[in-house]
Amino acid sequence: MSNLRSSKFQFLCAFHFLMLVVVNCYQYKVGDLDAWGTPTAANPHVYTNWAKNHVFKVGDSLLFLYPPSQDSVIQVTGQSFNVCNLTDPILYMNNGNSLFNITSTGEYYFTSAVPGHCGKKQKLQISVLSGNGSSAFSPSYGPSALPDTSYPTVFGSIPAANSSSSSSSPSQRPPVFLAAVMGFMSWDLIRGRM
């Protein structure tokens, strides 16, 4: 059997550990194709609908894209968000390529710092889920309070989600399988069979 203090064994253990650590962090472009700007009359709830269609977790980030000479982003409290109070923001970003990293669960509120934009619904509220997939807070208003807007399907139907009884999602199965294979290969390598 190989020495447990050998560099080969330590490398294999470190590699195996890294294979077990699965990190699913995403960077979301706020508004998708609409980016960050004053909503149009045809789509006044663009950011509310956008937030409703995404699930945010700790480790994710929000990317706000906008012309820096024309707009900005501020993080505000829930009370300031509701009344469009732009004074005393929690965070001010104005570089046109603003990245906000989500570091804890809860509710986050953003709006434009340009006077009048918040009143035109250029604002975003997101709920960040805890590790078990449940919301940290139950908002009394927000995305669920809006009517469900449906759009015509242009490219065919959307495939239904797989409703298997397995507790792990399909995106988590390959890394776990790969980690198991790497574990067996590591064991064989340590025992000198490879």
N, C-alpha and C. Protein backbone atom coordinates (compact mmCIF):
# COMPACT_ATOMS: atom_id res chain seq x y z
N MET A 1 0.84 -1.18 0.00
CA MET A 1 0.00 0.00 0.00
C MET A 1 0.89 1.24 0.00
N SER A 2 0.47 2.25 -0.64
CA SER A 2 1.22 3.49 -0.77
C SER A 2 1.27 4.25 0.56
N ASN A 3 2.32 5.01 0.75
CA ASN A 3 2.48 5.82 1.96
C ASN A 3 1.44 6.94 1.95
N LEU A 4 0.73 7.11 3.06
CA LEU A 4 -0.32 8.11 3.14
C LEU A 4 0.22 9.53 3.13
N ARG A 5 1.52 9.70 3.33
CA ARG A 5 2.12 11.03 3.33
C ARG A 5 2.79 11.35 2.00
N SER A 6 2.70 10.46 1.03
CA SER A 6 3.34 10.72 -0.25
C SER A 6 2.62 11.85 -0.98
N SER A 7 3.36 12.56 -1.81
CA SER A 7 2.78 13.69 -2.55
C SER A 7 1.70 13.20 -3.52
N LYS A 8 1.86 12.00 -4.05
CA LYS A 8 0.87 11.44 -4.97
C LYS A 8 -0.46 11.23 -4.25
N PHE A 9 -0.40 10.69 -3.04
CA PHE A 9 -1.62 10.46 -2.27
C PHE A 9 -2.27 11.79 -1.88
N GLN A 10 -1.47 12.75 -1.44
CA GLN A 10 -2.02 14.04 -1.05
C GLN A 10 -2.65 14.76 -2.23
N PHE A 11 -2.01 14.66 -3.41
CA PHE A 11 -2.59 15.27 -4.60
C PHE A 11 -3.92 14.62 -4.95
N LEU A 12 -3.98 13.31 -4.89
CA LEU A 12 -5.22 12.61 -5.21
C LEU A 12 -6.33 12.96 -4.22
N CYS A 13 -5.98 13.07 -2.94
CA CYS A 13 -6.98 13.46 -1.95
C CYS A 13 -7.50 14.86 -2.21
N ALA A 14 -6.59 15.79 -2.51
CA ALA A 14 -7.01 17.16 -2.79
C ALA A 14 -7.88 17.21 -4.05
N PHE A 15 -7.49 16.48 -5.09
CA PHE A 15 -8.27 16.45 -6.32
C PHE A 15 -9.65 15.85 -6.07
N HIS A 16 -9.69 14.80 -5.31
CA HIS A 16 -10.96 14.15 -5.01
C HIS A 16 -11.87 15.09 -4.21
N PHE A 17 -11.31 15.81 -3.27
CA PHE A 17 -12.09 16.77 -2.50
C PHE A 17 -12.66 17.85 -3.41
N LEU A 18 -11.86 18.35 -4.32
CA LEU A 18 -12.34 19.37 -5.25
C LEU A 18 -13.46 18.84 -6.14
N MET A 19 -13.39 17.58 -6.49
CA MET A 19 -14.44 16.99 -7.32
C MET A 19 -15.75 16.87 -6.54
N LEU A 20 -15.68 16.73 -5.24
CA LEU A 20 -16.89 16.61 -4.43
C LEU A 20 -17.56 17.95 -4.19
N VAL A 21 -16.78 19.02 -4.23
CA VAL A 21 -17.33 20.35 -3.99
C VAL A 21 -17.99 20.82 -5.28
N VAL A 22 -19.30 20.94 -5.24
CA VAL A 22 -20.04 21.38 -6.41
C VAL A 22 -20.54 22.79 -6.13
N VAL A 23 -20.11 23.72 -6.95
CA VAL A 23 -20.51 25.10 -6.78
C VAL A 23 -21.41 25.49 -7.94
N ASN A 24 -22.62 25.89 -7.62
CA ASN A 24 -23.57 26.31 -8.64
C ASN A 24 -23.91 27.78 -8.43
N CYS A 25 -23.00 28.65 -8.82
CA CYS A 25 -23.24 30.08 -8.72
C CYS A 25 -23.44 30.62 -10.12
N TYR A 26 -24.36 31.54 -10.24
CA TYR A 26 -24.69 32.10 -11.54
C TYR A 26 -24.59 33.60 -11.51
N GLN A 27 -24.26 34.17 -12.67
CA GLN A 27 -24.29 35.62 -12.83
C GLN A 27 -25.47 35.92 -13.73
N TYR A 28 -26.41 36.70 -13.22
CA TYR A 28 -27.63 37.04 -13.95
C TYR A 28 -27.52 38.45 -14.50
N LYS A 29 -27.79 38.61 -15.79
CA LYS A 29 -27.86 39.94 -16.39
C LYS A 29 -29.27 40.46 -16.13
N VAL A 30 -29.37 41.50 -15.33
CA VAL A 30 -30.67 42.04 -14.92
C VAL A 30 -31.44 42.50 -16.15
N GLY A 31 -32.65 41.98 -16.29
CA GLY A 31 -33.51 42.34 -17.41
C GLY A 31 -33.25 41.55 -18.67
N ASP A 32 -32.26 40.68 -18.67
CA ASP A 32 -31.86 39.91 -19.85
C ASP A 32 -31.63 40.85 -21.03
N LEU A 33 -32.39 40.70 -22.11
CA LEU A 33 -32.19 41.53 -23.30
C LEU A 33 -32.57 42.98 -23.07
N ASP A 34 -33.42 43.26 -22.09
CA ASP A 34 -33.83 44.63 -21.82
C ASP A 34 -32.76 45.40 -21.05
N ALA A 35 -31.79 44.73 -20.47
CA ALA A 35 -30.73 45.34 -19.66
C ALA A 35 -31.35 46.21 -18.56
N TRP A 36 -30.62 47.24 -18.10
CA TRP A 36 -31.09 48.09 -17.01
C TRP A 36 -31.40 49.46 -17.58
N GLY A 37 -32.66 49.82 -17.60
CA GLY A 37 -33.09 51.11 -18.12
C GLY A 37 -34.55 51.33 -17.77
N THR A 38 -35.06 52.46 -18.15
CA THR A 38 -36.45 52.78 -17.87
C THR A 38 -37.35 51.86 -18.69
N PRO A 39 -38.28 51.15 -18.05
CA PRO A 39 -39.17 50.24 -18.79
C PRO A 39 -40.03 50.99 -19.80
N THR A 40 -40.36 50.31 -20.85
CA THR A 40 -41.22 50.89 -21.88
C THR A 40 -42.68 50.79 -21.45
N ALA A 41 -43.53 51.55 -22.10
CA ALA A 41 -44.96 51.50 -21.81
C ALA A 41 -45.53 50.12 -22.14
N ALA A 42 -44.94 49.45 -23.12
CA ALA A 42 -45.41 48.13 -23.52
C ALA A 42 -45.04 47.05 -22.50
N ASN A 43 -44.01 47.30 -21.71
CA ASN A 43 -43.54 46.30 -20.74
C ASN A 43 -43.14 46.99 -19.43
N PRO A 44 -44.08 47.61 -18.73
CA PRO A 44 -43.73 48.38 -17.53
C PRO A 44 -43.25 47.53 -16.35
N HIS A 45 -43.58 46.26 -16.33
CA HIS A 45 -43.19 45.38 -15.22
C HIS A 45 -42.04 44.45 -15.61
N VAL A 46 -41.16 44.92 -16.49
CA VAL A 46 -40.09 44.07 -17.00
C VAL A 46 -39.23 43.50 -15.87
N TYR A 47 -38.89 44.28 -14.87
CA TYR A 47 -37.98 43.80 -13.81
C TYR A 47 -38.71 42.92 -12.80
N THR A 48 -39.96 43.20 -12.56
CA THR A 48 -40.74 42.34 -11.67
C THR A 48 -40.94 40.97 -12.31
N ASN A 49 -41.26 40.97 -13.60
CA ASN A 49 -41.43 39.69 -14.31
C ASN A 49 -40.11 38.95 -14.42
N TRP A 50 -39.03 39.69 -14.64
CA TRP A 50 -37.71 39.06 -14.74
C TRP A 50 -37.34 38.38 -13.43
N ALA A 51 -37.55 39.07 -12.31
CA ALA A 51 -37.22 38.49 -11.00
C ALA A 51 -38.09 37.28 -10.70
N LYS A 52 -39.33 37.32 -11.15
CA LYS A 52 -40.26 36.21 -10.91
C LYS A 52 -39.81 34.93 -11.62
N ASN A 53 -39.06 35.08 -12.70
CA ASN A 53 -38.64 33.93 -13.50
C ASN A 53 -37.23 33.43 -13.16
N HIS A 54 -36.66 33.91 -12.06
CA HIS A 54 -35.33 33.47 -11.65
C HIS A 54 -35.34 33.09 -10.18
N VAL A 55 -34.49 32.13 -9.85
CA VAL A 55 -34.31 31.71 -8.46
C VAL A 55 -32.89 32.09 -8.07
N PHE A 56 -32.77 32.96 -7.08
CA PHE A 56 -31.47 33.48 -6.66
C PHE A 56 -31.01 32.78 -5.38
N LYS A 57 -29.71 32.50 -5.33
CA LYS A 57 -29.11 31.86 -4.16
C LYS A 57 -27.86 32.62 -3.74
N VAL A 58 -27.45 32.39 -2.51
CA VAL A 58 -26.20 32.97 -2.02
C VAL A 58 -25.07 32.49 -2.93
N GLY A 59 -24.23 33.41 -3.33
CA GLY A 59 -23.13 33.09 -4.25
C GLY A 59 -23.41 33.57 -5.66
N ASP A 60 -24.68 33.79 -6.01
CA ASP A 60 -25.02 34.33 -7.32
C ASP A 60 -24.67 35.81 -7.37
N SER A 61 -24.71 36.38 -8.56
CA SER A 61 -24.47 37.81 -8.69
C SER A 61 -25.41 38.39 -9.74
N LEU A 62 -25.67 39.68 -9.61
CA LEU A 62 -26.52 40.43 -10.54
C LEU A 62 -25.65 41.39 -11.32
N LEU A 63 -25.77 41.38 -12.64
CA LEU A 63 -25.02 42.29 -13.49
C LEU A 63 -25.99 43.31 -14.07
N PHE A 64 -25.78 44.57 -13.73
CA PHE A 64 -26.59 45.67 -14.24
C PHE A 64 -25.80 46.34 -15.36
N LEU A 65 -26.33 46.30 -16.59
CA LEU A 65 -25.67 46.94 -17.73
C LEU A 65 -26.49 48.15 -18.16
N TYR A 66 -25.81 49.30 -18.32
CA TYR A 66 -26.48 50.55 -18.68
C TYR A 66 -25.43 51.56 -19.12
N PRO A 67 -25.83 52.59 -19.86
CA PRO A 67 -24.87 53.65 -20.20
C PRO A 67 -24.53 54.45 -18.94
N PRO A 68 -23.27 54.50 -18.53
CA PRO A 68 -22.92 55.15 -17.26
C PRO A 68 -23.21 56.65 -17.24
N SER A 69 -23.25 57.28 -18.40
CA SER A 69 -23.54 58.71 -18.42
C SER A 69 -25.03 59.00 -18.28
N GLN A 70 -25.87 57.95 -18.38
CA GLN A 70 -27.32 58.15 -18.37
C GLN A 70 -28.03 57.50 -17.19
N ASP A 71 -27.37 56.58 -16.48
CA ASP A 71 -28.09 55.84 -15.45
C ASP A 71 -27.15 55.39 -14.35
N SER A 72 -27.71 54.71 -13.37
CA SER A 72 -26.96 54.17 -12.24
C SER A 72 -27.85 53.17 -11.52
N VAL A 73 -27.30 52.53 -10.50
CA VAL A 73 -28.05 51.56 -9.70
C VAL A 73 -27.78 51.86 -8.24
N ILE A 74 -28.84 51.85 -7.43
CA ILE A 74 -28.65 51.96 -5.99
C ILE A 74 -29.40 50.81 -5.32
N GLN A 75 -28.81 50.34 -4.23
CA GLN A 75 -29.51 49.38 -3.38
C GLN A 75 -30.14 50.19 -2.26
N VAL A 76 -31.42 49.93 -2.00
CA VAL A 76 -32.16 50.68 -0.99
C VAL A 76 -32.87 49.72 -0.05
N THR A 77 -33.46 50.27 0.99
CA THR A 77 -34.26 49.46 1.92
C THR A 77 -35.63 49.19 1.29
N GLY A 78 -36.35 48.27 1.84
CA GLY A 78 -37.69 47.97 1.35
C GLY A 78 -38.62 49.17 1.44
N GLN A 79 -38.51 49.92 2.51
CA GLN A 79 -39.36 51.10 2.68
C GLN A 79 -39.03 52.16 1.62
N SER A 80 -37.75 52.41 1.38
CA SER A 80 -37.34 53.37 0.35
C SER A 80 -37.76 52.88 -1.04
N PHE A 81 -37.71 51.59 -1.25
CA PHE A 81 -38.11 50.99 -2.52
C PHE A 81 -39.59 51.28 -2.80
N ASN A 82 -40.43 51.09 -1.78
CA ASN A 82 -41.88 51.24 -1.96
C ASN A 82 -42.28 52.67 -2.29
N VAL A 83 -41.57 53.66 -1.74
CA VAL A 83 -41.95 55.06 -1.95
C VAL A 83 -40.97 55.80 -2.87
N CYS A 84 -40.04 55.08 -3.48
CA CYS A 84 -39.04 55.65 -4.39
C CYS A 84 -38.23 56.75 -3.71
N ASN A 85 -37.77 56.49 -2.51
CA ASN A 85 -36.91 57.42 -1.79
C ASN A 85 -35.47 57.11 -2.18
N LEU A 86 -34.81 58.04 -2.88
CA LEU A 86 -33.47 57.82 -3.39
C LEU A 86 -32.37 58.31 -2.46
N THR A 87 -32.75 58.91 -1.34
CA THR A 87 -31.75 59.43 -0.40
C THR A 87 -31.23 58.29 0.48
N ASP A 88 -30.00 58.39 0.86
CA ASP A 88 -29.34 57.42 1.74
C ASP A 88 -29.40 55.98 1.23
N PRO A 89 -28.88 55.73 0.03
CA PRO A 89 -28.87 54.34 -0.45
C PRO A 89 -27.87 53.49 0.34
N ILE A 90 -28.10 52.20 0.35
CA ILE A 90 -27.19 51.25 0.99
C ILE A 90 -25.93 51.13 0.15
N LEU A 91 -26.10 51.13 -1.18
CA LEU A 91 -24.99 50.96 -2.12
C LEU A 91 -25.28 51.79 -3.36
N TYR A 92 -24.25 52.43 -3.91
CA TYR A 92 -24.39 53.24 -5.12
C TYR A 92 -23.41 52.72 -6.16
N MET A 93 -23.90 52.39 -7.35
CA MET A 93 -23.05 51.90 -8.44
C MET A 93 -23.37 52.72 -9.69
N ASN A 94 -22.33 53.18 -10.40
CA ASN A 94 -22.57 54.03 -11.56
C ASN A 94 -21.58 53.83 -12.70
N ASN A 95 -20.96 52.67 -12.79
CA ASN A 95 -19.94 52.46 -13.81
C ASN A 95 -20.48 51.86 -15.12
N GLY A 96 -21.78 51.55 -15.18
CA GLY A 96 -22.37 51.00 -16.40
C GLY A 96 -22.24 49.50 -16.54
N ASN A 97 -21.43 48.92 -15.70
CA ASN A 97 -21.18 47.47 -15.72
C ASN A 97 -21.12 47.03 -14.26
N SER A 98 -22.22 47.23 -13.55
CA SER A 98 -22.24 47.07 -12.09
C SER A 98 -22.58 45.64 -11.70
N LEU A 99 -21.72 45.07 -10.87
CA LEU A 99 -21.89 43.69 -10.42
C LEU A 99 -22.20 43.70 -8.92
N PHE A 100 -23.32 43.07 -8.56
CA PHE A 100 -23.71 42.96 -7.16
C PHE A 100 -23.64 41.49 -6.78
N ASN A 101 -22.80 41.16 -5.80
CA ASN A 101 -22.65 39.79 -5.32
C ASN A 101 -23.62 39.53 -4.18
N ILE A 102 -24.37 38.46 -4.28
CA ILE A 102 -25.34 38.09 -3.24
C ILE A 102 -24.60 37.28 -2.19
N THR A 103 -24.57 37.81 -0.96
CA THR A 103 -23.80 37.17 0.10
C THR A 103 -24.64 36.62 1.24
N SER A 104 -25.94 36.90 1.23
CA SER A 104 -26.79 36.36 2.29
C SER A 104 -28.23 36.25 1.80
N THR A 105 -29.02 35.47 2.51
CA THR A 105 -30.43 35.30 2.16
C THR A 105 -31.22 36.54 2.55
N GLY A 106 -32.39 36.67 1.97
CA GLY A 106 -33.27 37.79 2.32
C GLY A 106 -33.79 38.50 1.09
N GLU A 107 -34.28 39.69 1.33
CA GLU A 107 -34.84 40.53 0.28
C GLU A 107 -33.83 41.62 -0.09
N TYR A 108 -33.67 41.86 -1.38
CA TYR A 108 -32.80 42.92 -1.87
C TYR A 108 -33.63 43.83 -2.77
N TYR A 109 -33.37 45.13 -2.67
CA TYR A 109 -34.13 46.13 -3.41
C TYR A 109 -33.16 47.04 -4.16
N PHE A 110 -33.43 47.26 -5.45
CA PHE A 110 -32.59 48.10 -6.29
C PHE A 110 -33.47 49.05 -7.09
N THR A 111 -32.94 50.20 -7.40
CA THR A 111 -33.62 51.13 -8.28
C THR A 111 -32.56 52.01 -8.93
N SER A 112 -32.99 52.83 -9.87
CA SER A 112 -32.10 53.80 -10.48
C SER A 112 -31.97 55.00 -9.57
N ALA A 113 -30.79 55.61 -9.54
CA ALA A 113 -30.59 56.82 -8.75
C ALA A 113 -30.99 58.08 -9.51
N VAL A 114 -31.37 57.92 -10.78
CA VAL A 114 -31.79 59.06 -11.59
C VAL A 114 -33.21 59.43 -11.17
N PRO A 115 -33.43 60.68 -10.78
CA PRO A 115 -34.78 61.09 -10.36
C PRO A 115 -35.82 60.81 -11.45
N GLY A 116 -36.94 60.22 -11.02
CA GLY A 116 -38.04 59.92 -11.93
C GLY A 116 -38.03 58.50 -12.48
N HIS A 117 -36.87 57.86 -12.52
CA HIS A 117 -36.79 56.50 -13.07
C HIS A 117 -37.49 55.48 -12.18
N CYS A 118 -37.36 55.62 -10.88
CA CYS A 118 -38.02 54.69 -9.96
C CYS A 118 -39.54 54.77 -10.13
N GLY A 119 -40.07 55.98 -10.26
CA GLY A 119 -41.50 56.17 -10.47
C GLY A 119 -41.99 55.56 -11.77
N LYS A 120 -41.06 55.38 -12.73
CA LYS A 120 -41.40 54.75 -14.01
C LYS A 120 -41.13 53.24 -13.96
N LYS A 121 -40.99 52.71 -12.75
CA LYS A 121 -40.83 51.28 -12.47
C LYS A 121 -39.47 50.69 -12.86
N GLN A 122 -38.45 51.53 -12.87
CA GLN A 122 -37.09 51.01 -13.05
C GLN A 122 -36.58 50.65 -11.67
N LYS A 123 -37.08 49.52 -11.18
CA LYS A 123 -36.69 49.04 -9.87
C LYS A 123 -36.84 47.52 -9.83
N LEU A 124 -36.08 46.92 -8.94
CA LEU A 124 -36.00 45.46 -8.89
C LEU A 124 -36.00 45.00 -7.45
N GLN A 125 -36.85 44.03 -7.15
CA GLN A 125 -36.86 43.37 -5.85
C GLN A 125 -36.59 41.89 -6.09
N ILE A 126 -35.62 41.34 -5.35
CA ILE A 126 -35.35 39.91 -5.46
C ILE A 126 -35.40 39.27 -4.09
N SER A 127 -35.76 38.00 -4.06
CA SER A 127 -35.75 37.19 -2.85
C SER A 127 -34.66 36.15 -3.02
N VAL A 128 -33.75 36.11 -2.07
CA VAL A 128 -32.65 35.16 -2.12
C VAL A 128 -33.00 33.99 -1.21
N LEU A 129 -32.94 32.80 -1.78
CA LEU A 129 -33.34 31.59 -1.08
C LEU A 129 -32.26 31.10 -0.14
N SER A 130 -32.70 30.39 0.87
CA SER A 130 -31.75 29.72 1.76
C SER A 130 -31.29 28.44 1.10
N GLY A 131 -30.39 27.73 1.75
CA GLY A 131 -29.81 26.52 1.17
C GLY A 131 -30.82 25.43 0.87
N ASN A 132 -31.95 25.39 1.59
CA ASN A 132 -32.93 24.33 1.36
C ASN A 132 -33.94 24.70 0.28
N GLY A 133 -33.75 25.86 -0.37
CA GLY A 133 -34.62 26.23 -1.47
C GLY A 133 -35.85 27.01 -1.06
N SER A 134 -35.99 27.35 0.21
CA SER A 134 -37.15 28.12 0.63
C SER A 134 -36.76 29.58 0.78
N SER A 135 -37.71 30.45 0.57
CA SER A 135 -37.45 31.87 0.68
C SER A 135 -37.23 32.24 2.14
N ALA A 136 -36.29 33.14 2.36
CA ALA A 136 -36.00 33.56 3.73
C ALA A 136 -37.15 34.39 4.29
N PHE A 137 -37.87 35.09 3.43
CA PHE A 137 -38.99 35.92 3.84
C PHE A 137 -40.16 35.66 2.91
N SER A 138 -41.34 35.96 3.37
CA SER A 138 -42.51 35.86 2.52
C SER A 138 -43.00 37.26 2.23
N PRO A 139 -42.69 37.81 1.04
CA PRO A 139 -43.11 39.17 0.76
C PRO A 139 -44.62 39.26 0.61
N SER A 140 -45.17 40.37 1.13
CA SER A 140 -46.61 40.57 1.04
C SER A 140 -47.00 41.17 -0.30
N TYR A 141 -46.01 41.57 -1.07
CA TYR A 141 -46.25 42.10 -2.39
C TYR A 141 -45.06 41.68 -3.24
N GLY A 142 -45.06 42.06 -4.49
CA GLY A 142 -43.92 41.74 -5.34
C GLY A 142 -44.34 40.89 -6.50
N PRO A 143 -43.44 40.04 -7.00
CA PRO A 143 -43.71 39.30 -8.22
C PRO A 143 -44.97 38.46 -8.16
N SER A 144 -45.28 37.87 -7.02
CA SER A 144 -46.46 37.01 -6.95
C SER A 144 -47.76 37.81 -6.96
N ALA A 145 -47.68 39.12 -6.68
CA ALA A 145 -48.88 39.94 -6.64
C ALA A 145 -49.30 40.41 -8.02
N LEU A 146 -48.44 40.27 -9.01
CA LEU A 146 -48.77 40.72 -10.35
C LEU A 146 -49.57 39.66 -11.10
N PRO A 147 -50.37 40.09 -12.03
CA PRO A 147 -51.06 39.10 -12.85
C PRO A 147 -50.05 38.35 -13.71
N ASP A 148 -50.33 37.11 -13.97
CA ASP A 148 -49.43 36.29 -14.78
C ASP A 148 -49.58 36.71 -16.24
N THR A 149 -48.50 37.24 -16.81
CA THR A 149 -48.51 37.68 -18.19
C THR A 149 -48.04 36.53 -19.05
N SER A 150 -48.80 36.20 -20.08
CA SER A 150 -48.36 35.14 -20.97
C SER A 150 -48.02 35.74 -22.32
N TYR A 151 -47.02 35.17 -22.96
CA TYR A 151 -46.53 35.65 -24.23
C TYR A 151 -46.72 34.54 -25.26
N PRO A 152 -46.85 34.91 -26.53
CA PRO A 152 -47.02 33.87 -27.55
C PRO A 152 -45.75 33.03 -27.67
N THR A 153 -45.93 31.75 -27.92
CA THR A 153 -44.82 30.84 -28.10
C THR A 153 -44.42 30.88 -29.56
N VAL A 154 -43.21 31.31 -29.84
CA VAL A 154 -42.76 31.49 -31.21
C VAL A 154 -41.99 30.27 -31.71
N PHE A 155 -41.20 29.65 -30.84
CA PHE A 155 -40.31 28.58 -31.27
C PHE A 155 -40.78 27.19 -30.85
N GLY A 156 -42.04 27.01 -30.60
CA GLY A 156 -42.54 25.72 -30.19
C GLY A 156 -42.76 25.66 -28.69
N SER A 157 -43.22 24.52 -28.23
CA SER A 157 -43.54 24.39 -26.81
C SER A 157 -42.27 24.22 -25.98
N ILE A 158 -42.36 24.59 -24.73
CA ILE A 158 -41.25 24.44 -23.80
C ILE A 158 -41.37 23.06 -23.17
N PRO A 159 -40.28 22.28 -23.17
CA PRO A 159 -40.35 20.94 -22.59
C PRO A 159 -40.70 21.00 -21.11
N ALA A 160 -41.53 20.07 -20.68
CA ALA A 160 -41.92 20.00 -19.26
C ALA A 160 -40.74 19.51 -18.45
N ALA A 161 -40.66 19.99 -17.22
CA ALA A 161 -39.58 19.56 -16.33
C ALA A 161 -39.76 18.10 -15.99
N ASN A 162 -38.65 17.40 -15.85
CA ASN A 162 -38.69 16.00 -15.48
C ASN A 162 -39.18 15.88 -14.04
N SER A 163 -40.24 15.15 -13.83
CA SER A 163 -40.82 15.03 -12.49
C SER A 163 -40.46 13.70 -11.86
N SER A 164 -39.14 13.40 -11.84
CA SER A 164 -38.72 12.15 -11.21
C SER A 164 -38.76 12.29 -9.70
N SER A 165 -38.79 11.20 -9.03
CA SER A 165 -38.88 11.21 -7.56
C SER A 165 -37.52 11.33 -6.90
N SER A 166 -36.46 11.45 -7.71
CA SER A 166 -35.12 11.57 -7.14
C SER A 166 -34.96 12.90 -6.43
N SER A 167 -34.24 12.90 -5.32
CA SER A 167 -34.08 14.12 -4.53
C SER A 167 -33.01 15.04 -5.11
N SER A 168 -32.12 14.54 -5.94
CA SER A 168 -31.09 15.41 -6.51
C SER A 168 -31.50 15.83 -7.90
N SER A 169 -31.12 17.03 -8.26
CA SER A 169 -31.48 17.52 -9.58
C SER A 169 -30.55 16.91 -10.61
N PRO A 170 -30.99 16.86 -11.89
CA PRO A 170 -30.14 16.28 -12.93
C PRO A 170 -28.81 16.98 -13.06
N SER A 171 -28.75 18.29 -12.80
CA SER A 171 -27.49 19.01 -12.94
C SER A 171 -26.49 18.62 -11.86
N GLN A 172 -26.95 17.99 -10.78
CA GLN A 172 -26.04 17.60 -9.72
C GLN A 172 -25.61 16.14 -9.85
N ARG A 173 -26.25 15.37 -10.68
CA ARG A 173 -25.91 13.96 -10.80
C ARG A 173 -24.55 13.73 -11.45
N PRO A 174 -24.22 14.36 -12.59
CA PRO A 174 -22.92 14.08 -13.20
C PRO A 174 -21.74 14.37 -12.29
N PRO A 175 -21.68 15.52 -11.56
CA PRO A 175 -20.52 15.73 -10.69
C PRO A 175 -20.41 14.67 -9.59
N VAL A 176 -21.52 14.21 -9.03
CA VAL A 176 -21.48 13.19 -8.00
C VAL A 176 -21.00 11.87 -8.60
N PHE A 177 -21.48 11.54 -9.78
CA PHE A 177 -21.03 10.32 -10.46
C PHE A 177 -19.55 10.42 -10.77
N LEU A 178 -19.12 11.57 -11.30
CA LEU A 178 -17.72 11.77 -11.63
C LEU A 178 -16.85 11.67 -10.38
N ALA A 179 -17.32 12.22 -9.27
CA ALA A 179 -16.56 12.13 -8.02
C ALA A 179 -16.44 10.67 -7.56
N ALA A 180 -17.49 9.90 -7.72
CA ALA A 180 -17.43 8.48 -7.33
C ALA A 180 -16.43 7.73 -8.21
N VAL A 181 -16.46 7.98 -9.51
CA VAL A 181 -15.51 7.32 -10.42
C VAL A 181 -14.10 7.72 -10.06
N MET A 182 -13.89 9.02 -9.78
CA MET A 182 -12.55 9.47 -9.40
C MET A 182 -12.11 8.84 -8.09
N GLY A 183 -13.04 8.62 -7.17
CA GLY A 183 -12.70 7.97 -5.91
C GLY A 183 -12.22 6.55 -6.13
N PHE A 184 -12.94 5.80 -6.98
CA PHE A 184 -12.53 4.42 -7.27
C PHE A 184 -11.19 4.39 -7.99
N MET A 185 -10.99 5.31 -8.93
CA MET A 185 -9.71 5.36 -9.64
C MET A 185 -8.58 5.72 -8.68
N SER A 186 -8.85 6.64 -7.77
CA SER A 186 -7.83 7.02 -6.79
C SER A 186 -7.46 5.84 -5.91
N TRP A 187 -8.47 5.09 -5.48
CA TRP A 187 -8.22 3.92 -4.63
C TRP A 187 -7.36 2.89 -5.37
N ASP A 188 -7.71 2.63 -6.63
CA ASP A 188 -6.92 1.69 -7.42
C ASP A 188 -5.49 2.18 -7.62
N LEU A 189 -5.34 3.48 -7.85
CA LEU A 189 -4.02 4.04 -8.04
C LEU A 189 -3.17 3.93 -6.78
N ILE A 190 -3.80 4.19 -5.65
CA ILE A 190 -3.10 4.08 -4.37
C ILE A 190 -2.67 2.66 -4.10
N ARG A 191 -3.55 1.74 -4.42
CA ARG A 191 -3.22 0.31 -4.17
C ARG A 191 -2.26 -0.23 -5.22
N GLY A 192 -1.93 0.58 -6.25
CA GLY A 192 -0.94 0.18 -7.23
C GLY A 192 -1.48 -0.67 -8.35
N ARG A 193 -2.80 -0.67 -8.57
CA ARG A 193 -3.38 -1.48 -9.65
C ARG A 193 -3.45 -0.73 -10.96
N MET A 194 -3.16 0.54 -10.99
CA MET A 194 -3.26 1.30 -12.25
C MET A 194 -1.90 1.73 -12.73
